[in-house]
Amino acid sequence: MKRVIIFIEKCKLHLKCGVYEEERKLGVEVEIDIKVQADEFVDYEQLYGILTETTTEKFTYLEQFSERIVEKIRKMWNTEKIEVSISKRSLPFQNSMKAAGIITIWEK
């Protein structure tokens, strides 16, 4: 049995997500890497659609956004593993970081 990993890398999107009300209202720039491991065909255009569609919702935490993406992918395809990496590029406080973020890994 062969497995395929479908991925989208360095996808820049605007997301209404954050602890601060301004972040949920105005939004923040995020960069997303996603890998989906499956035994069946996964259309990366549809995968991209899931990402962009989910950015229309509001979230307090990146983890909530990531979990929502995983949930939608699992409903659409029979996957073995999903890895979502989200970097927040604009942070609401003075810093010297390029980005901060999370990595979510779901496995069957």
N, C-alpha and C. Protein backbone atom coordinates (compact mmCIF):
# COMPACT_ATOMS: atom_id res chain seq x y z
N MET A 1 0.84 -1.18 0.00
CA MET A 1 0.00 0.00 0.00
C MET A 1 0.88 1.24 0.00
N LYS A 2 0.57 2.15 -0.89
CA LYS A 2 1.35 3.39 -0.93
C LYS A 2 0.63 4.50 -0.18
N ARG A 3 1.41 5.35 0.40
CA ARG A 3 0.87 6.54 1.08
C ARG A 3 1.43 7.76 0.39
N VAL A 4 0.61 8.75 0.32
CA VAL A 4 1.00 10.01 -0.30
C VAL A 4 0.86 11.11 0.75
N ILE A 5 1.79 12.04 0.73
CA ILE A 5 1.69 13.22 1.59
C ILE A 5 1.44 14.42 0.69
N ILE A 6 0.32 15.05 0.91
CA ILE A 6 -0.05 16.26 0.18
C ILE A 6 0.26 17.42 1.10
N PHE A 7 0.87 18.48 0.55
CA PHE A 7 1.22 19.58 1.44
C PHE A 7 0.99 20.93 0.78
N ILE A 8 0.79 21.90 1.64
CA ILE A 8 0.77 23.32 1.26
C ILE A 8 1.77 23.98 2.19
N GLU A 9 2.63 24.78 1.62
CA GLU A 9 3.73 25.36 2.40
C GLU A 9 3.72 26.89 2.30
N LYS A 10 3.94 27.53 3.44
CA LYS A 10 4.09 28.99 3.52
C LYS A 10 2.88 29.75 2.97
N CYS A 11 1.69 29.26 3.27
CA CYS A 11 0.45 29.91 2.84
C CYS A 11 0.16 31.09 3.77
N LYS A 12 0.17 32.29 3.23
CA LYS A 12 -0.08 33.49 4.04
C LYS A 12 -1.56 33.85 3.96
N LEU A 13 -2.17 33.95 5.15
CA LEU A 13 -3.58 34.27 5.24
C LEU A 13 -3.82 35.29 6.35
N HIS A 14 -4.96 35.92 6.30
CA HIS A 14 -5.37 36.88 7.33
C HIS A 14 -6.41 36.18 8.19
N LEU A 15 -6.16 36.12 9.49
CA LEU A 15 -6.99 35.34 10.41
C LEU A 15 -7.46 36.22 11.57
N LYS A 16 -8.72 36.14 11.89
CA LYS A 16 -9.26 36.86 13.05
C LYS A 16 -9.12 35.94 14.26
N CYS A 17 -7.95 36.05 14.91
CA CYS A 17 -7.61 35.14 15.99
C CYS A 17 -6.69 35.83 16.98
N GLY A 18 -7.02 35.74 18.26
CA GLY A 18 -6.13 36.29 19.26
C GLY A 18 -6.81 36.45 20.60
N VAL A 19 -6.00 36.56 21.62
CA VAL A 19 -6.49 36.78 22.97
C VAL A 19 -7.06 38.19 23.09
N TYR A 20 -6.42 39.13 22.39
CA TYR A 20 -6.87 40.52 22.44
C TYR A 20 -8.01 40.75 21.46
N GLU A 21 -8.99 41.53 21.88
CA GLU A 21 -10.16 41.83 21.06
C GLU A 21 -9.76 42.43 19.70
N GLU A 22 -8.73 43.27 19.69
CA GLU A 22 -8.28 43.90 18.44
C GLU A 22 -7.84 42.85 17.42
N GLU A 23 -7.20 41.78 17.90
CA GLU A 23 -6.75 40.72 17.00
C GLU A 23 -7.94 39.98 16.39
N ARG A 24 -8.98 39.77 17.18
CA ARG A 24 -10.16 39.08 16.66
C ARG A 24 -10.98 39.99 15.76
N LYS A 25 -10.87 41.30 15.99
CA LYS A 25 -11.62 42.26 15.19
C LYS A 25 -10.88 42.62 13.90
N LEU A 26 -9.62 43.01 14.03
CA LEU A 26 -8.83 43.45 12.88
C LEU A 26 -8.12 42.31 12.16
N GLY A 27 -7.79 41.27 12.91
CA GLY A 27 -7.10 40.13 12.33
C GLY A 27 -5.59 40.25 12.41
N VAL A 28 -4.93 39.13 12.15
CA VAL A 28 -3.48 39.04 12.16
C VAL A 28 -3.02 38.25 10.93
N GLU A 29 -1.79 38.48 10.54
CA GLU A 29 -1.22 37.72 9.43
C GLU A 29 -0.64 36.43 9.97
N VAL A 30 -1.00 35.31 9.33
CA VAL A 30 -0.46 34.01 9.71
C VAL A 30 0.14 33.33 8.48
N GLU A 31 1.05 32.42 8.77
CA GLU A 31 1.64 31.60 7.71
C GLU A 31 1.39 30.15 8.09
N ILE A 32 0.83 29.39 7.17
CA ILE A 32 0.42 28.02 7.47
C ILE A 32 1.15 27.03 6.58
N ASP A 33 1.65 25.97 7.21
CA ASP A 33 2.17 24.80 6.52
C ASP A 33 1.26 23.66 6.92
N ILE A 34 0.85 22.85 5.94
CA ILE A 34 -0.02 21.73 6.25
C ILE A 34 0.40 20.52 5.44
N LYS A 35 0.40 19.36 6.10
CA LYS A 35 0.72 18.08 5.45
C LYS A 35 -0.40 17.11 5.77
N VAL A 36 -0.90 16.45 4.74
CA VAL A 36 -1.95 15.45 4.92
C VAL A 36 -1.46 14.15 4.32
N GLN A 37 -1.39 13.13 5.16
CA GLN A 37 -0.95 11.80 4.71
C GLN A 37 -2.19 10.93 4.54
N ALA A 38 -2.34 10.33 3.35
CA ALA A 38 -3.53 9.54 3.07
C ALA A 38 -3.22 8.43 2.06
N ASP A 39 -4.09 7.45 2.03
CA ASP A 39 -3.99 6.36 1.05
C ASP A 39 -4.82 6.68 -0.19
N GLU A 40 -5.51 7.78 -0.18
CA GLU A 40 -6.37 8.16 -1.29
C GLU A 40 -6.00 9.56 -1.78
N PHE A 41 -6.57 9.93 -2.90
CA PHE A 41 -6.33 11.24 -3.50
C PHE A 41 -6.87 12.35 -2.61
N VAL A 42 -6.06 13.34 -2.35
CA VAL A 42 -6.48 14.55 -1.64
C VAL A 42 -6.17 15.73 -2.55
N ASP A 43 -7.19 16.46 -2.89
CA ASP A 43 -7.06 17.59 -3.81
C ASP A 43 -6.53 18.81 -3.05
N TYR A 44 -5.34 19.29 -3.41
CA TYR A 44 -4.78 20.41 -2.65
C TYR A 44 -5.49 21.73 -2.93
N GLU A 45 -6.25 21.82 -4.01
CA GLU A 45 -7.08 23.01 -4.21
C GLU A 45 -8.22 23.03 -3.19
N GLN A 46 -8.82 21.85 -2.95
CA GLN A 46 -9.86 21.74 -1.93
C GLN A 46 -9.26 21.96 -0.53
N LEU A 47 -8.06 21.47 -0.33
CA LEU A 47 -7.36 21.66 0.94
C LEU A 47 -7.14 23.16 1.19
N TYR A 48 -6.71 23.87 0.16
CA TYR A 48 -6.54 25.32 0.26
C TYR A 48 -7.88 26.00 0.56
N GLY A 49 -8.93 25.49 -0.06
CA GLY A 49 -10.28 26.03 0.19
C GLY A 49 -10.69 25.89 1.64
N ILE A 50 -10.33 24.77 2.27
CA ILE A 50 -10.62 24.57 3.69
C ILE A 50 -9.91 25.65 4.51
N LEU A 51 -8.64 25.92 4.18
CA LEU A 51 -7.89 26.94 4.91
C LEU A 51 -8.55 28.30 4.78
N THR A 52 -8.84 28.71 3.56
CA THR A 52 -9.39 30.06 3.35
C THR A 52 -10.80 30.18 3.92
N GLU A 53 -11.60 29.13 3.80
CA GLU A 53 -12.96 29.14 4.35
C GLU A 53 -12.93 29.27 5.87
N THR A 54 -12.00 28.60 6.51
CA THR A 54 -11.93 28.60 7.97
C THR A 54 -11.44 29.95 8.50
N THR A 55 -10.72 30.72 7.70
CA THR A 55 -10.26 32.03 8.16
C THR A 55 -11.40 33.03 8.30
N THR A 56 -12.59 32.70 7.80
CA THR A 56 -13.73 33.60 7.94
C THR A 56 -14.35 33.52 9.34
N GLU A 57 -13.96 32.49 10.11
CA GLU A 57 -14.46 32.32 11.48
C GLU A 57 -13.53 33.07 12.43
N LYS A 58 -14.02 33.34 13.66
CA LYS A 58 -13.20 34.00 14.68
C LYS A 58 -12.76 32.99 15.72
N PHE A 59 -11.52 33.14 16.18
CA PHE A 59 -10.95 32.24 17.18
C PHE A 59 -10.17 33.04 18.21
N THR A 60 -10.12 32.52 19.43
CA THR A 60 -9.30 33.13 20.46
C THR A 60 -7.88 32.58 20.41
N TYR A 61 -7.76 31.29 20.12
CA TYR A 61 -6.45 30.63 20.13
C TYR A 61 -6.16 29.97 18.79
N LEU A 62 -4.89 29.96 18.40
CA LEU A 62 -4.48 29.28 17.18
C LEU A 62 -4.84 27.79 17.23
N GLU A 63 -4.80 27.22 18.43
CA GLU A 63 -5.14 25.80 18.58
C GLU A 63 -6.57 25.51 18.14
N GLN A 64 -7.48 26.44 18.42
CA GLN A 64 -8.88 26.27 18.00
C GLN A 64 -8.99 26.29 16.48
N PHE A 65 -8.28 27.21 15.87
CA PHE A 65 -8.26 27.30 14.40
C PHE A 65 -7.70 26.02 13.80
N SER A 66 -6.59 25.56 14.34
CA SER A 66 -5.94 24.35 13.85
C SER A 66 -6.85 23.12 14.01
N GLU A 67 -7.49 23.00 15.17
CA GLU A 67 -8.40 21.87 15.41
C GLU A 67 -9.57 21.89 14.43
N ARG A 68 -10.05 23.08 14.11
CA ARG A 68 -11.17 23.21 13.15
C ARG A 68 -10.73 22.74 11.77
N ILE A 69 -9.52 23.08 11.37
CA ILE A 69 -8.99 22.64 10.08
C ILE A 69 -8.88 21.11 10.04
N VAL A 70 -8.32 20.54 11.09
CA VAL A 70 -8.17 19.07 11.17
C VAL A 70 -9.55 18.42 11.08
N GLU A 71 -10.51 18.94 11.80
CA GLU A 71 -11.87 18.40 11.79
C GLU A 71 -12.46 18.39 10.38
N LYS A 72 -12.31 19.49 9.66
CA LYS A 72 -12.85 19.60 8.30
C LYS A 72 -12.14 18.63 7.34
N ILE A 73 -10.83 18.50 7.48
CA ILE A 73 -10.07 17.58 6.62
C ILE A 73 -10.51 16.14 6.88
N ARG A 74 -10.66 15.77 8.13
CA ARG A 74 -11.06 14.41 8.48
C ARG A 74 -12.45 14.07 7.96
N LYS A 75 -13.34 15.06 7.89
CA LYS A 75 -14.67 14.83 7.34
C LYS A 75 -14.63 14.62 5.83
N MET A 76 -13.66 15.24 5.17
CA MET A 76 -13.60 15.19 3.72
C MET A 76 -12.83 13.97 3.18
N TRP A 77 -11.76 13.59 3.86
CA TRP A 77 -10.91 12.50 3.38
C TRP A 77 -10.59 11.52 4.50
N ASN A 78 -10.26 10.30 4.10
CA ASN A 78 -9.82 9.27 5.04
C ASN A 78 -8.30 9.41 5.18
N THR A 79 -7.87 10.13 6.18
CA THR A 79 -6.45 10.45 6.33
C THR A 79 -5.81 9.61 7.42
N GLU A 80 -4.50 9.44 7.31
CA GLU A 80 -3.72 8.73 8.32
C GLU A 80 -3.06 9.69 9.31
N LYS A 81 -2.67 10.85 8.78
CA LYS A 81 -1.96 11.81 9.61
C LYS A 81 -2.15 13.21 9.03
N ILE A 82 -2.32 14.18 9.92
CA ILE A 82 -2.45 15.58 9.51
C ILE A 82 -1.54 16.41 10.40
N GLU A 83 -0.74 17.24 9.79
CA GLU A 83 0.15 18.13 10.54
C GLU A 83 -0.10 19.56 10.08
N VAL A 84 -0.42 20.42 11.05
CA VAL A 84 -0.71 21.82 10.76
C VAL A 84 0.24 22.68 11.58
N SER A 85 1.00 23.52 10.90
CA SER A 85 1.91 24.45 11.56
C SER A 85 1.43 25.87 11.25
N ILE A 86 1.20 26.64 12.30
CA ILE A 86 0.71 28.01 12.11
C ILE A 86 1.64 28.98 12.82
N SER A 87 2.15 29.94 12.07
CA SER A 87 3.02 30.99 12.61
C SER A 87 2.28 32.31 12.55
N LYS A 88 2.19 32.97 13.69
CA LYS A 88 1.59 34.30 13.74
C LYS A 88 2.70 35.29 13.41
N ARG A 89 2.54 36.02 12.31
CA ARG A 89 3.59 36.92 11.83
C ARG A 89 3.50 38.30 12.47
N SER A 90 2.31 38.69 12.87
CA SER A 90 2.16 39.99 13.52
C SER A 90 1.68 39.75 14.94
N LEU A 91 2.51 40.14 15.88
CA LEU A 91 2.21 39.92 17.29
C LEU A 91 1.80 41.23 17.95
N PRO A 92 0.91 41.18 18.94
CA PRO A 92 0.36 42.41 19.52
C PRO A 92 1.23 43.03 20.61
N PHE A 93 2.51 42.68 20.64
CA PHE A 93 3.40 43.24 21.64
C PHE A 93 4.79 43.41 21.05
N GLN A 94 5.56 44.30 21.63
CA GLN A 94 6.92 44.58 21.16
C GLN A 94 7.77 43.31 21.31
N ASN A 95 8.48 42.96 20.25
CA ASN A 95 9.29 41.73 20.29
C ASN A 95 10.37 41.77 19.21
N SER A 96 11.25 40.80 19.24
CA SER A 96 12.28 40.68 18.22
C SER A 96 12.17 39.34 17.50
N MET A 97 10.98 38.72 17.53
CA MET A 97 10.76 37.42 16.89
C MET A 97 10.32 37.58 15.45
N LYS A 98 10.68 36.61 14.64
CA LYS A 98 10.17 36.55 13.27
C LYS A 98 8.72 36.09 13.29
N ALA A 99 8.42 35.14 14.19
CA ALA A 99 7.06 34.60 14.31
C ALA A 99 6.96 33.78 15.58
N ALA A 100 5.73 33.50 15.97
CA ALA A 100 5.44 32.59 17.08
C ALA A 100 4.23 31.77 16.65
N GLY A 101 4.13 30.55 17.13
CA GLY A 101 2.99 29.76 16.68
C GLY A 101 2.88 28.40 17.30
N ILE A 102 2.16 27.51 16.62
CA ILE A 102 1.87 26.18 17.11
C ILE A 102 2.04 25.14 16.01
N ILE A 103 2.19 23.91 16.41
CA ILE A 103 2.15 22.76 15.50
C ILE A 103 1.17 21.77 16.10
N THR A 104 0.18 21.36 15.30
CA THR A 104 -0.79 20.36 15.70
C THR A 104 -0.56 19.12 14.85
N ILE A 105 -0.49 17.96 15.51
CA ILE A 105 -0.34 16.70 14.78
C ILE A 105 -1.45 15.77 15.21
N TRP A 106 -2.23 15.31 14.21
CA TRP A 106 -3.27 14.33 14.46
C TRP A 106 -2.89 13.05 13.72
N GLU A 107 -3.01 11.91 14.39
CA GLU A 107 -2.73 10.62 13.75
C GLU A 107 -3.83 9.64 14.07
N LYS A 108 -4.15 8.82 13.08
CA LYS A 108 -5.15 7.79 13.26
C LYS A 108 -4.66 6.73 14.20
